[in-house]
Amino acid sequence: MTATSAKIDPRPRWQAHAPLTIPLPWRPWLLDQGSLTARLVAASGGNFRVEVLAQALRQPSGEERTALGLPERQVALVREVLLRGRGEPWVYARSVVPLAVLRGRYGFLRRLGTKPLGALLFRDAGIRRGAIAVTQRRPPRFLLTAADEPLAWVRRSLFFLDQQPLLVAEMFLPGFRP
C-alpha cells in the first residue's frame, strides 16, 4: 500500500459532533475526549496492537492542510496505522504531524514504531485536544472486504502540542462493534 492510497478525507463533510444524529451505541466511541487507545485496549481485554501501514514525510491532503493551517506545498509526517483488537482491524487511523512539531521536544514522534500515538498524547500535560468532528465515509479501498461495505464512522480532532497542531483521524472499521 502506498501512503497516498489511504486518505480518509479527500472532501468529507466534517461536522461538530451532534449527539442526536449519532446512534446511541456509537456516541461514547465517537465523542469521548479521552484516549481511544485506552478504550480499545479495555474492549479487547488487552489483546490490542498497532500495525503500521505507512509513515513518511509527504504532503497532506488539502483538507488536512486546511485543518492544520499549513501552506500548500508543506510536507508533514503522515502516519497510517490499523488498531487491532483481538487480531481484527478495528480502527484505521491517520495522523498528520507538521514539521514544526517534530523540530521541538516532540521529535520522538518520528520513531513511534508500533507504539500507539494515543498513549503518548494523553500522558503529556503540555498537550490539549481540540473539538472532535465526526463524519461517515467509505473505508479506503485496500481495507474493503466487499464492494457494498457500509459507511464507517470517522472522528478527527486537532491536538495541540505546546500550541503546535497535530491532526488525528480515526475510522471505525466494519469489524468493530460498539
N, C-alpha and C. Protein backbone atom coordinates (compact mmCIF):
# COMPACT_ATOMS: atom_id res chain seq x y z
N MET A 1 0.84 -1.17 0.00
CA MET A 1 0.00 0.00 0.00
C MET A 1 0.88 1.23 0.00
N THR A 2 0.51 2.20 -0.75
CA THR A 2 1.22 3.47 -0.71
C THR A 2 0.47 4.41 0.21
N ALA A 3 1.19 5.34 0.76
CA ALA A 3 0.56 6.28 1.70
C ALA A 3 -0.52 7.09 1.02
N THR A 4 -0.41 7.30 -0.30
CA THR A 4 -1.41 8.12 -0.98
C THR A 4 -2.71 7.38 -1.22
N SER A 5 -2.73 6.07 -1.09
CA SER A 5 -3.94 5.32 -1.41
C SER A 5 -4.95 5.29 -0.27
N ALA A 6 -4.58 5.77 0.88
CA ALA A 6 -5.42 5.54 2.05
C ALA A 6 -5.99 6.80 2.68
N LYS A 7 -6.12 7.86 1.92
CA LYS A 7 -6.66 9.08 2.51
C LYS A 7 -8.07 8.85 3.03
N ILE A 8 -8.31 9.26 4.24
CA ILE A 8 -9.64 9.16 4.81
C ILE A 8 -10.52 10.26 4.25
N ASP A 9 -9.96 11.41 4.03
CA ASP A 9 -10.80 12.59 3.89
C ASP A 9 -10.50 13.46 2.68
N PRO A 10 -10.71 12.98 1.44
CA PRO A 10 -10.48 13.89 0.33
C PRO A 10 -11.40 15.10 0.38
N ARG A 11 -12.67 14.95 0.65
CA ARG A 11 -13.61 16.07 0.80
C ARG A 11 -14.75 15.67 1.73
N PRO A 12 -14.44 15.35 2.97
CA PRO A 12 -15.51 14.93 3.86
C PRO A 12 -16.36 16.09 4.32
N ARG A 13 -17.49 15.76 4.84
CA ARG A 13 -18.36 16.78 5.45
C ARG A 13 -18.25 16.62 6.96
N TRP A 14 -17.16 17.13 7.49
CA TRP A 14 -16.94 17.04 8.92
C TRP A 14 -17.92 17.96 9.63
N GLN A 15 -18.48 17.46 10.72
CA GLN A 15 -19.42 18.26 11.49
C GLN A 15 -19.03 18.20 12.96
N ALA A 16 -19.18 19.33 13.60
CA ALA A 16 -19.01 19.31 15.05
C ALA A 16 -20.01 18.29 15.57
N HIS A 17 -19.60 17.50 16.52
CA HIS A 17 -20.47 16.40 16.94
C HIS A 17 -21.85 16.89 17.38
N ALA A 18 -22.83 16.19 16.88
CA ALA A 18 -24.22 16.45 17.25
C ALA A 18 -24.77 15.13 17.78
N PRO A 19 -24.73 14.92 19.09
CA PRO A 19 -25.08 13.63 19.66
C PRO A 19 -26.39 13.03 19.17
N LEU A 20 -27.37 13.85 18.87
CA LEU A 20 -28.66 13.29 18.47
C LEU A 20 -28.62 12.63 17.10
N THR A 21 -27.63 12.96 16.27
CA THR A 21 -27.53 12.35 14.95
C THR A 21 -26.66 11.10 14.94
N ILE A 22 -26.02 10.80 16.05
CA ILE A 22 -25.15 9.64 16.15
C ILE A 22 -25.89 8.55 16.91
N PRO A 23 -25.95 7.32 16.35
CA PRO A 23 -26.63 6.24 17.07
C PRO A 23 -26.06 6.07 18.48
N LEU A 24 -26.94 5.79 19.41
CA LEU A 24 -26.57 5.71 20.83
C LEU A 24 -25.34 4.84 21.10
N PRO A 25 -25.23 3.61 20.53
CA PRO A 25 -24.05 2.80 20.86
C PRO A 25 -22.73 3.43 20.41
N TRP A 26 -22.77 4.29 19.40
CA TRP A 26 -21.56 4.90 18.87
C TRP A 26 -21.13 6.15 19.64
N ARG A 27 -22.03 6.77 20.34
CA ARG A 27 -21.72 8.06 20.97
C ARG A 27 -20.49 8.03 21.88
N PRO A 28 -20.38 7.05 22.79
CA PRO A 28 -19.20 7.07 23.65
C PRO A 28 -17.90 6.88 22.87
N TRP A 29 -17.95 6.14 21.78
CA TRP A 29 -16.75 5.88 20.99
C TRP A 29 -16.37 7.09 20.13
N LEU A 30 -17.33 7.79 19.63
CA LEU A 30 -17.05 8.92 18.74
C LEU A 30 -16.83 10.24 19.49
N LEU A 31 -17.48 10.41 20.61
CA LEU A 31 -17.48 11.71 21.27
C LEU A 31 -16.59 11.81 22.51
N ASP A 32 -16.11 10.68 23.01
CA ASP A 32 -15.28 10.70 24.21
C ASP A 32 -13.99 11.48 23.97
N GLN A 33 -13.68 12.40 24.85
CA GLN A 33 -12.48 13.23 24.73
C GLN A 33 -11.23 12.51 25.21
N GLY A 34 -11.40 11.35 25.83
CA GLY A 34 -10.26 10.61 26.35
C GLY A 34 -9.55 9.80 25.28
N SER A 35 -8.72 8.89 25.71
CA SER A 35 -7.88 8.09 24.82
C SER A 35 -8.67 6.95 24.18
N LEU A 36 -8.76 6.96 22.85
CA LEU A 36 -9.38 5.84 22.14
C LEU A 36 -8.54 4.59 22.34
N THR A 37 -7.23 4.74 22.36
CA THR A 37 -6.35 3.60 22.58
C THR A 37 -6.71 2.89 23.88
N ALA A 38 -6.87 3.64 24.96
CA ALA A 38 -7.20 3.03 26.26
C ALA A 38 -8.54 2.30 26.19
N ARG A 39 -9.51 2.88 25.51
CA ARG A 39 -10.83 2.24 25.36
C ARG A 39 -10.72 0.94 24.57
N LEU A 40 -9.92 0.95 23.50
CA LEU A 40 -9.76 -0.24 22.67
C LEU A 40 -9.01 -1.34 23.42
N VAL A 41 -7.99 -0.96 24.18
CA VAL A 41 -7.27 -1.94 24.99
C VAL A 41 -8.24 -2.62 25.96
N ALA A 42 -9.08 -1.83 26.61
CA ALA A 42 -10.06 -2.39 27.56
C ALA A 42 -11.08 -3.27 26.83
N ALA A 43 -11.59 -2.81 25.69
CA ALA A 43 -12.60 -3.58 24.95
C ALA A 43 -12.05 -4.89 24.40
N SER A 44 -10.74 -4.92 24.15
CA SER A 44 -10.13 -6.13 23.60
C SER A 44 -9.60 -7.05 24.70
N GLY A 45 -9.81 -6.69 25.94
CA GLY A 45 -9.28 -7.49 27.04
C GLY A 45 -7.76 -7.52 27.03
N GLY A 46 -7.14 -6.46 26.52
CA GLY A 46 -5.68 -6.38 26.47
C GLY A 46 -5.08 -6.97 25.20
N ASN A 47 -5.90 -7.60 24.37
CA ASN A 47 -5.42 -8.18 23.12
C ASN A 47 -5.47 -7.10 22.04
N PHE A 48 -4.53 -6.18 22.10
CA PHE A 48 -4.52 -4.98 21.26
C PHE A 48 -3.13 -4.79 20.69
N ARG A 49 -3.08 -4.34 19.44
CA ARG A 49 -1.77 -3.99 18.86
C ARG A 49 -1.94 -2.97 17.75
N VAL A 50 -0.85 -2.28 17.46
CA VAL A 50 -0.80 -1.29 16.40
C VAL A 50 -0.02 -1.89 15.23
N GLU A 51 -0.62 -1.84 14.05
CA GLU A 51 0.06 -2.27 12.82
C GLU A 51 0.32 -1.03 11.98
N VAL A 52 1.58 -0.71 11.77
CA VAL A 52 1.93 0.47 10.98
C VAL A 52 1.80 0.12 9.50
N LEU A 53 0.96 0.88 8.79
CA LEU A 53 0.77 0.68 7.36
C LEU A 53 1.73 1.54 6.55
N ALA A 54 1.93 2.76 6.98
CA ALA A 54 2.82 3.69 6.28
C ALA A 54 3.20 4.82 7.21
N GLN A 55 4.40 5.32 7.02
CA GLN A 55 4.83 6.52 7.74
C GLN A 55 5.90 7.18 6.89
N ALA A 56 5.65 8.42 6.50
CA ALA A 56 6.59 9.12 5.63
C ALA A 56 6.35 10.62 5.68
N LEU A 57 7.38 11.37 5.32
CA LEU A 57 7.22 12.81 5.12
C LEU A 57 6.59 12.98 3.75
N ARG A 58 5.43 13.60 3.71
CA ARG A 58 4.72 13.81 2.45
C ARG A 58 3.75 14.96 2.59
N GLN A 59 3.15 15.34 1.48
CA GLN A 59 2.18 16.43 1.52
C GLN A 59 0.84 15.90 2.03
N PRO A 60 0.28 16.54 3.03
CA PRO A 60 -1.06 16.16 3.50
C PRO A 60 -2.09 16.49 2.42
N SER A 61 -3.28 15.93 2.57
CA SER A 61 -4.38 16.27 1.67
C SER A 61 -4.75 17.74 1.87
N GLY A 62 -5.50 18.29 0.93
CA GLY A 62 -5.95 19.68 1.05
C GLY A 62 -6.75 19.91 2.31
N GLU A 63 -7.63 18.98 2.63
CA GLU A 63 -8.45 19.09 3.84
C GLU A 63 -7.57 19.10 5.09
N GLU A 64 -6.56 18.23 5.10
CA GLU A 64 -5.66 18.17 6.25
C GLU A 64 -4.84 19.46 6.37
N ARG A 65 -4.34 19.95 5.24
CA ARG A 65 -3.57 21.21 5.25
C ARG A 65 -4.41 22.35 5.81
N THR A 66 -5.66 22.43 5.36
CA THR A 66 -6.55 23.49 5.85
C THR A 66 -6.75 23.38 7.36
N ALA A 67 -7.02 22.18 7.84
CA ALA A 67 -7.25 21.98 9.28
C ALA A 67 -6.02 22.37 10.10
N LEU A 68 -4.84 22.12 9.54
CA LEU A 68 -3.60 22.40 10.26
C LEU A 68 -3.05 23.80 10.00
N GLY A 69 -3.61 24.50 9.02
CA GLY A 69 -3.11 25.82 8.66
C GLY A 69 -1.75 25.77 7.98
N LEU A 70 -1.49 24.71 7.20
CA LEU A 70 -0.20 24.56 6.53
C LEU A 70 -0.23 25.16 5.13
N PRO A 71 0.90 25.68 4.66
CA PRO A 71 0.97 26.16 3.28
C PRO A 71 0.83 25.00 2.29
N GLU A 72 0.51 25.33 1.05
CA GLU A 72 0.15 24.31 0.06
C GLU A 72 1.20 23.23 -0.16
N ARG A 73 2.44 23.54 -0.25
CA ARG A 73 3.44 22.51 -0.58
C ARG A 73 4.22 22.01 0.64
N GLN A 74 3.76 22.34 1.80
CA GLN A 74 4.45 21.95 3.03
C GLN A 74 4.27 20.45 3.28
N VAL A 75 5.36 19.75 3.54
CA VAL A 75 5.26 18.34 3.90
C VAL A 75 5.07 18.22 5.40
N ALA A 76 4.60 17.05 5.80
CA ALA A 76 4.41 16.73 7.21
C ALA A 76 4.65 15.23 7.37
N LEU A 77 4.79 14.79 8.58
CA LEU A 77 4.90 13.36 8.84
C LEU A 77 3.48 12.78 8.83
N VAL A 78 3.21 11.90 7.89
CA VAL A 78 1.89 11.27 7.77
C VAL A 78 2.07 9.81 8.19
N ARG A 79 1.30 9.40 9.19
CA ARG A 79 1.38 8.04 9.73
C ARG A 79 0.01 7.40 9.62
N GLU A 80 -0.02 6.20 9.06
CA GLU A 80 -1.26 5.45 8.92
C GLU A 80 -1.10 4.11 9.61
N VAL A 81 -2.06 3.78 10.46
CA VAL A 81 -1.99 2.53 11.22
C VAL A 81 -3.34 1.85 11.28
N LEU A 82 -3.30 0.56 11.55
CA LEU A 82 -4.50 -0.17 11.94
C LEU A 82 -4.39 -0.44 13.43
N LEU A 83 -5.46 -0.19 14.15
CA LEU A 83 -5.53 -0.54 15.57
C LEU A 83 -6.32 -1.84 15.62
N ARG A 84 -5.67 -2.90 16.07
CA ARG A 84 -6.28 -4.23 16.06
C ARG A 84 -6.67 -4.65 17.46
N GLY A 85 -7.88 -5.15 17.58
CA GLY A 85 -8.38 -5.72 18.82
C GLY A 85 -8.71 -7.19 18.58
N ARG A 86 -8.17 -8.05 19.43
CA ARG A 86 -8.37 -9.49 19.26
C ARG A 86 -7.98 -9.96 17.86
N GLY A 87 -6.97 -9.32 17.30
CA GLY A 87 -6.45 -9.68 15.98
C GLY A 87 -7.20 -9.08 14.81
N GLU A 88 -8.36 -8.47 15.06
CA GLU A 88 -9.19 -7.91 13.99
C GLU A 88 -8.90 -6.42 13.81
N PRO A 89 -8.91 -5.94 12.56
CA PRO A 89 -8.74 -4.50 12.36
C PRO A 89 -9.98 -3.74 12.81
N TRP A 90 -9.84 -2.96 13.86
CA TRP A 90 -10.97 -2.22 14.42
C TRP A 90 -10.99 -0.77 13.98
N VAL A 91 -9.82 -0.15 13.89
CA VAL A 91 -9.75 1.28 13.57
C VAL A 91 -8.59 1.52 12.61
N TYR A 92 -8.86 2.30 11.57
CA TYR A 92 -7.82 2.81 10.69
C TYR A 92 -7.58 4.25 11.14
N ALA A 93 -6.34 4.56 11.49
CA ALA A 93 -6.03 5.91 11.99
C ALA A 93 -4.96 6.55 11.11
N ARG A 94 -5.13 7.83 10.90
CA ARG A 94 -4.18 8.62 10.10
C ARG A 94 -3.84 9.87 10.90
N SER A 95 -2.57 10.06 11.15
CA SER A 95 -2.14 11.26 11.86
C SER A 95 -1.22 12.07 10.96
N VAL A 96 -1.33 13.38 11.08
CA VAL A 96 -0.51 14.31 10.30
C VAL A 96 0.20 15.22 11.30
N VAL A 97 1.52 15.12 11.31
CA VAL A 97 2.33 15.87 12.26
C VAL A 97 3.18 16.88 11.49
N PRO A 98 2.89 18.18 11.63
CA PRO A 98 3.68 19.20 10.94
C PRO A 98 5.15 19.17 11.38
N LEU A 99 6.02 19.60 10.49
CA LEU A 99 7.46 19.61 10.79
C LEU A 99 7.78 20.45 12.02
N ALA A 100 7.05 21.53 12.24
CA ALA A 100 7.31 22.38 13.41
C ALA A 100 7.19 21.59 14.71
N VAL A 101 6.28 20.64 14.76
CA VAL A 101 6.12 19.80 15.96
C VAL A 101 7.33 18.89 16.11
N LEU A 102 7.81 18.35 15.00
CA LEU A 102 8.92 17.40 15.04
C LEU A 102 10.25 18.06 15.38
N ARG A 103 10.36 19.36 15.19
CA ARG A 103 11.60 20.08 15.49
C ARG A 103 11.75 20.36 16.99
N GLY A 104 10.69 20.30 17.70
CA GLY A 104 10.73 20.59 19.13
C GLY A 104 10.92 19.34 19.96
N ARG A 105 10.43 19.42 21.17
CA ARG A 105 10.62 18.30 22.10
C ARG A 105 9.81 17.07 21.73
N TYR A 106 8.97 17.18 20.69
CA TYR A 106 8.17 16.03 20.25
C TYR A 106 8.78 15.33 19.04
N GLY A 107 10.06 15.54 18.81
CA GLY A 107 10.76 14.90 17.69
C GLY A 107 10.70 13.38 17.75
N PHE A 108 10.52 12.84 18.95
CA PHE A 108 10.44 11.38 19.10
C PHE A 108 9.24 10.78 18.37
N LEU A 109 8.27 11.63 17.96
CA LEU A 109 7.11 11.12 17.23
C LEU A 109 7.50 10.48 15.90
N ARG A 110 8.68 10.82 15.39
CA ARG A 110 9.18 10.19 14.16
C ARG A 110 9.47 8.70 14.38
N ARG A 111 9.69 8.32 15.62
CA ARG A 111 10.16 6.96 15.92
C ARG A 111 9.17 6.17 16.77
N LEU A 112 7.90 6.36 16.56
CA LEU A 112 6.90 5.66 17.37
C LEU A 112 6.90 4.16 17.11
N GLY A 113 7.16 3.75 15.88
CA GLY A 113 7.07 2.33 15.56
C GLY A 113 5.66 1.84 15.83
N THR A 114 5.55 0.74 16.56
CA THR A 114 4.23 0.17 16.84
C THR A 114 3.63 0.68 18.15
N LYS A 115 4.24 1.70 18.74
CA LYS A 115 3.64 2.31 19.93
C LYS A 115 2.42 3.12 19.51
N PRO A 116 1.34 3.06 20.26
CA PRO A 116 0.16 3.86 19.91
C PRO A 116 0.39 5.34 20.22
N LEU A 117 0.10 6.18 19.24
CA LEU A 117 0.21 7.63 19.41
C LEU A 117 -0.68 8.10 20.55
N GLY A 118 -1.88 7.54 20.64
CA GLY A 118 -2.83 7.96 21.68
C GLY A 118 -2.28 7.82 23.08
N ALA A 119 -1.53 6.76 23.33
CA ALA A 119 -0.97 6.56 24.67
C ALA A 119 -0.04 7.71 25.04
N LEU A 120 0.68 8.25 24.07
CA LEU A 120 1.59 9.36 24.33
C LEU A 120 0.86 10.69 24.46
N LEU A 121 -0.16 10.89 23.63
CA LEU A 121 -0.88 12.16 23.64
C LEU A 121 -1.57 12.43 24.97
N PHE A 122 -2.01 11.39 25.64
CA PHE A 122 -2.77 11.58 26.87
C PHE A 122 -1.90 11.49 28.13
N ARG A 123 -0.60 11.31 27.96
CA ARG A 123 0.31 11.26 29.11
C ARG A 123 0.97 12.60 29.38
N ASP A 124 0.99 13.48 28.40
CA ASP A 124 1.74 14.73 28.48
C ASP A 124 0.81 15.89 28.82
N ALA A 125 1.06 16.55 29.93
CA ALA A 125 0.21 17.67 30.35
C ALA A 125 0.32 18.87 29.41
N GLY A 126 1.36 18.92 28.57
CA GLY A 126 1.52 20.02 27.63
C GLY A 126 0.69 19.86 26.36
N ILE A 127 -0.10 18.79 26.30
CA ILE A 127 -0.92 18.51 25.11
C ILE A 127 -2.38 18.68 25.46
N ARG A 128 -3.10 19.41 24.61
CA ARG A 128 -4.55 19.52 24.80
C ARG A 128 -5.25 19.14 23.50
N ARG A 129 -6.45 18.63 23.64
CA ARG A 129 -7.24 18.20 22.49
C ARG A 129 -8.24 19.28 22.11
N GLY A 130 -8.38 19.50 20.81
CA GLY A 130 -9.40 20.41 20.30
C GLY A 130 -10.72 19.68 20.17
N ALA A 131 -11.68 20.33 19.54
CA ALA A 131 -13.01 19.75 19.35
C ALA A 131 -12.95 18.52 18.44
N ILE A 132 -13.86 17.59 18.69
CA ILE A 132 -13.99 16.40 17.85
C ILE A 132 -15.02 16.69 16.77
N ALA A 133 -14.67 16.36 15.53
CA ALA A 133 -15.60 16.45 14.40
C ALA A 133 -15.85 15.03 13.91
N VAL A 134 -17.06 14.79 13.42
CA VAL A 134 -17.48 13.44 13.04
C VAL A 134 -18.05 13.45 11.63
N THR A 135 -17.82 12.37 10.90
CA THR A 135 -18.43 12.18 9.58
C THR A 135 -18.58 10.68 9.34
N GLN A 136 -19.17 10.34 8.22
CA GLN A 136 -19.22 8.94 7.77
C GLN A 136 -18.59 8.89 6.39
N ARG A 137 -17.75 7.88 6.17
CA ARG A 137 -17.04 7.71 4.91
C ARG A 137 -16.94 6.22 4.58
N ARG A 138 -16.69 5.96 3.31
CA ARG A 138 -16.37 4.60 2.91
C ARG A 138 -14.93 4.30 3.34
N PRO A 139 -14.69 3.11 3.84
CA PRO A 139 -13.30 2.77 4.18
C PRO A 139 -12.42 2.82 2.93
N PRO A 140 -11.12 3.05 3.10
CA PRO A 140 -10.21 3.02 1.96
C PRO A 140 -10.32 1.68 1.23
N ARG A 141 -10.13 1.71 -0.08
CA ARG A 141 -10.30 0.51 -0.91
C ARG A 141 -9.50 -0.68 -0.41
N PHE A 142 -8.28 -0.45 0.03
CA PHE A 142 -7.44 -1.58 0.43
C PHE A 142 -7.98 -2.28 1.69
N LEU A 143 -8.91 -1.64 2.40
CA LEU A 143 -9.49 -2.25 3.60
C LEU A 143 -10.85 -2.90 3.34
N LEU A 144 -11.40 -2.71 2.16
CA LEU A 144 -12.73 -3.24 1.87
C LEU A 144 -12.69 -4.75 1.71
N THR A 145 -13.67 -5.41 2.29
CA THR A 145 -13.80 -6.86 2.10
C THR A 145 -14.95 -7.17 1.16
N ALA A 146 -15.81 -6.19 0.91
CA ALA A 146 -16.93 -6.36 -0.01
C ALA A 146 -17.20 -5.02 -0.70
N ALA A 147 -17.73 -5.10 -1.91
CA ALA A 147 -18.00 -3.87 -2.67
C ALA A 147 -19.05 -3.00 -2.01
N ASP A 148 -19.92 -3.62 -1.24
CA ASP A 148 -21.03 -2.86 -0.64
C ASP A 148 -20.82 -2.61 0.86
N GLU A 149 -19.57 -2.39 1.26
CA GLU A 149 -19.29 -2.09 2.67
C GLU A 149 -20.11 -0.88 3.11
N PRO A 150 -20.65 -0.92 4.31
CA PRO A 150 -21.40 0.24 4.80
C PRO A 150 -20.46 1.41 5.09
N LEU A 151 -21.03 2.58 5.18
CA LEU A 151 -20.24 3.74 5.57
C LEU A 151 -19.71 3.52 6.98
N ALA A 152 -18.51 4.02 7.20
CA ALA A 152 -17.88 3.87 8.51
C ALA A 152 -17.90 5.21 9.23
N TRP A 153 -18.03 5.16 10.55
CA TRP A 153 -17.94 6.37 11.36
C TRP A 153 -16.48 6.78 11.47
N VAL A 154 -16.24 8.08 11.33
CA VAL A 154 -14.89 8.63 11.44
C VAL A 154 -14.95 9.84 12.36
N ARG A 155 -13.95 9.97 13.20
CA ARG A 155 -13.82 11.18 14.01
C ARG A 155 -12.42 11.74 13.81
N ARG A 156 -12.31 13.03 13.97
CA ARG A 156 -10.98 13.63 13.90
C ARG A 156 -10.92 14.81 14.85
N SER A 157 -9.71 15.11 15.25
CA SER A 157 -9.51 16.29 16.08
C SER A 157 -8.06 16.74 16.00
N LEU A 158 -7.89 18.00 16.31
CA LEU A 158 -6.55 18.55 16.44
C LEU A 158 -6.09 18.36 17.88
N PHE A 159 -4.83 18.05 18.03
CA PHE A 159 -4.19 18.06 19.33
C PHE A 159 -3.17 19.19 19.27
N PHE A 160 -2.99 19.88 20.36
CA PHE A 160 -2.05 20.99 20.40
C PHE A 160 -0.91 20.62 21.33
N LEU A 161 0.27 20.48 20.74
CA LEU A 161 1.48 20.13 21.46
C LEU A 161 2.28 21.41 21.62
N ASP A 162 2.27 21.97 22.82
CA ASP A 162 2.89 23.28 23.05
C ASP A 162 2.41 24.29 22.01
N GLN A 163 1.12 24.35 21.80
CA GLN A 163 0.44 25.27 20.88
C GLN A 163 0.61 24.91 19.40
N GLN A 164 1.33 23.85 19.06
CA GLN A 164 1.51 23.41 17.67
C GLN A 164 0.49 22.31 17.37
N PRO A 165 -0.25 22.40 16.24
CA PRO A 165 -1.29 21.41 15.96
C PRO A 165 -0.77 20.12 15.34
N LEU A 166 -1.45 19.05 15.68
CA LEU A 166 -1.26 17.73 15.10
C LEU A 166 -2.67 17.22 14.82
N LEU A 167 -2.91 16.61 13.67
CA LEU A 167 -4.25 16.15 13.30
C LEU A 167 -4.33 14.63 13.38
N VAL A 168 -5.38 14.13 14.01
CA VAL A 168 -5.62 12.69 14.10
C VAL A 168 -7.03 12.39 13.61
N ALA A 169 -7.14 11.45 12.67
CA ALA A 169 -8.45 10.97 12.19
C ALA A 169 -8.51 9.47 12.46
N GLU A 170 -9.65 9.01 12.97
CA GLU A 170 -9.83 7.60 13.34
C GLU A 170 -11.11 7.08 12.71
N MET A 171 -10.98 6.04 11.88
CA MET A 171 -12.12 5.44 11.20
C MET A 171 -12.41 4.07 11.82
N PHE A 172 -13.64 3.90 12.30
CA PHE A 172 -14.05 2.62 12.87
C PHE A 172 -14.42 1.68 11.73
N LEU A 173 -13.74 0.56 11.64
CA LEU A 173 -13.92 -0.38 10.54
C LEU A 173 -15.06 -1.35 10.83
N PRO A 174 -15.57 -2.02 9.78
CA PRO A 174 -16.73 -2.92 9.96
C PRO A 174 -16.52 -4.03 10.99
N GLY A 175 -15.27 -4.43 11.25
CA GLY A 175 -15.01 -5.47 12.23
C GLY A 175 -15.23 -5.04 13.67
N PHE A 176 -15.37 -3.74 13.90
CA PHE A 176 -15.58 -3.23 15.25
C PHE A 176 -17.07 -3.05 15.51
N ARG A 177 -17.51 -3.54 16.64
CA ARG A 177 -18.91 -3.37 17.05
C ARG A 177 -18.94 -2.71 18.42
N PRO A 178 -19.58 -1.54 18.52
CA PRO A 178 -19.61 -0.86 19.83
C PRO A 178 -20.48 -1.61 20.84
